Amino acid sequence: MRNPNRYSTHTTKTEPPKPKKKFPLVYLVLALSFCAFTGSIWFSSYAKKVALQRQPVYERQKHQIQDKIHELELEESTLMAVERIREIAKELEMVEPTEAAQVIRDR
């Protein structure tokens, strides 16, 4: 027979379960996210600062280009003027078409 004292019915003390160590991974991800966030803020503020510094240069270049465009448009209008073309035709001794030539051309 078995001895009843040998197999006790008393419960033994058990230690509470230790929490798993997810602690470093969570805080590492959080720290990396914070670093990325602050880096993006710094980069955007730096880019805005550079853009504000260069804006007057771009404005000046834009006005110079617009002035050159207006200058070229004026020159084109003077070169394409009807009076100027007639003067060149007279210098080259070209003849203006008569009404008969215009009628033939229109057919």
Protein backbone atom coordinates (compact mmCIF):
# COMPACT_ATOMS: atom_id res chain seq x y z
CA MET A 1 0.00 0.00 0.00
CA ARG A 2 0.87 3.45 -0.50
CA ASN A 3 1.58 5.85 2.17
CA PRO A 4 -1.03 8.68 2.15
CA ASN A 5 1.51 11.16 3.49
CA ARG A 6 3.65 10.68 0.53
CA TYR A 7 1.13 12.21 -1.87
CA SER A 8 -0.04 15.30 -0.16
CA THR A 9 -3.14 17.12 -1.26
CA HIS A 10 -1.76 20.46 -0.17
CA THR A 11 -1.10 22.90 -2.95
CA THR A 12 2.40 24.11 -3.44
CA LYS A 13 3.29 27.72 -3.79
CA THR A 14 3.60 28.85 -7.34
CA GLU A 15 5.33 32.01 -8.41
CA PRO A 16 3.31 34.57 -10.34
CA PRO A 17 4.07 34.47 -14.06
CA LYS A 18 6.68 36.97 -15.14
CA PRO A 19 5.56 39.36 -17.87
CA LYS A 20 7.17 38.80 -21.22
CA LYS A 21 9.81 41.32 -22.19
CA LYS A 22 8.24 43.16 -25.13
CA PHE A 23 9.36 46.34 -23.45
CA PRO A 24 12.53 47.08 -25.48
CA LEU A 25 10.97 46.41 -28.89
CA VAL A 26 7.96 48.66 -28.31
CA TYR A 27 10.09 51.55 -27.05
CA LEU A 28 12.60 51.07 -29.85
CA VAL A 29 9.84 51.39 -32.45
CA LEU A 30 8.44 54.40 -30.61
CA ALA A 31 11.85 56.08 -30.48
CA LEU A 32 12.49 55.46 -34.18
CA SER A 33 9.07 56.88 -35.05
CA PHE A 34 9.77 59.97 -32.97
CA CYS A 35 13.17 60.41 -34.67
CA ALA A 36 11.57 60.14 -38.11
CA PHE A 37 8.89 62.65 -37.14
CA THR A 38 11.36 65.22 -35.79
CA GLY A 39 13.60 64.69 -38.82
CA SER A 40 10.75 65.41 -41.20
CA ILE A 41 9.84 68.56 -39.27
CA TRP A 42 13.43 69.76 -39.38
CA PHE A 43 13.76 69.03 -43.09
CA SER A 44 10.53 70.82 -43.99
CA SER A 45 11.45 73.89 -41.94
CA TYR A 46 14.94 73.95 -43.51
CA ALA A 47 13.48 73.62 -47.01
CA LYS A 48 11.07 76.48 -46.33
CA LYS A 49 13.92 78.65 -45.03
CA VAL A 50 15.97 77.99 -48.17
CA ALA A 51 12.97 78.70 -50.40
CA LEU A 52 12.35 82.02 -48.66
CA GLN A 53 16.00 82.98 -49.07
CA ARG A 54 15.98 82.20 -52.79
CA GLN A 55 12.60 83.71 -53.57
CA PRO A 56 13.93 87.24 -54.33
CA VAL A 57 16.47 85.78 -56.76
CA TYR A 58 13.75 83.83 -58.55
CA GLU A 59 11.48 86.86 -58.67
CA ARG A 60 14.27 88.98 -60.19
CA GLN A 61 15.01 86.32 -62.80
CA LYS A 62 11.31 86.00 -63.59
CA HIS A 63 11.00 89.76 -64.17
CA GLN A 64 14.10 89.79 -66.38
CA ILE A 65 12.68 87.00 -68.52
CA GLN A 66 9.28 88.69 -68.76
CA ASP A 67 10.96 91.96 -69.80
CA LYS A 68 12.92 90.13 -72.50
CA ILE A 69 9.72 88.48 -73.75
CA HIS A 70 7.97 91.87 -74.02
CA GLU A 71 10.99 93.30 -75.80
CA LEU A 72 10.96 90.47 -78.34
CA GLU A 73 7.20 90.83 -78.88
CA LEU A 74 7.65 94.53 -79.63
CA GLU A 75 10.48 93.77 -82.03
CA GLU A 76 8.34 91.12 -83.76
CA SER A 77 5.43 93.53 -84.13
CA THR A 78 7.69 96.16 -85.70
CA LEU A 79 9.25 93.62 -88.07
CA MET A 80 5.87 92.25 -89.13
CA ALA A 81 4.22 95.65 -89.60
CA VAL A 82 2.55 96.11 -93.01
CA GLU A 83 4.27 99.45 -93.63
CA ARG A 84 7.70 97.94 -93.09
CA ILE A 85 6.96 95.07 -95.46
CA ARG A 86 5.79 97.52 -98.12
CA GLU A 87 9.04 99.52 -97.69
CA ILE A 88 11.11 96.38 -98.15
CA ALA A 89 9.05 95.46 -101.23
CA LYS A 90 9.69 98.92 -102.73
CA GLU A 91 13.43 98.64 -101.99
CA LEU A 92 13.50 95.29 -103.77
CA GLU A 93 11.46 96.84 -106.61
CA MET A 94 8.67 94.39 -106.17
CA VAL A 95 5.28 95.27 -107.62
CA GLU A 96 2.09 95.23 -105.62
CA PRO A 97 -0.48 92.93 -107.12
CA THR A 98 -3.18 94.56 -109.19
CA GLU A 99 -6.86 93.75 -108.88
CA ALA A 100 -6.67 91.37 -111.82
CA ALA A 101 -3.87 89.39 -110.17
CA GLN A 102 -5.83 89.18 -106.96
CA VAL A 103 -8.92 87.89 -108.78
CA ILE A 104 -6.87 85.16 -110.45
CA ARG A 105 -5.26 84.19 -107.17
CA ASP A 106 -8.62 83.99 -105.38
CA ARG A 107 -10.01 81.46 -107.91
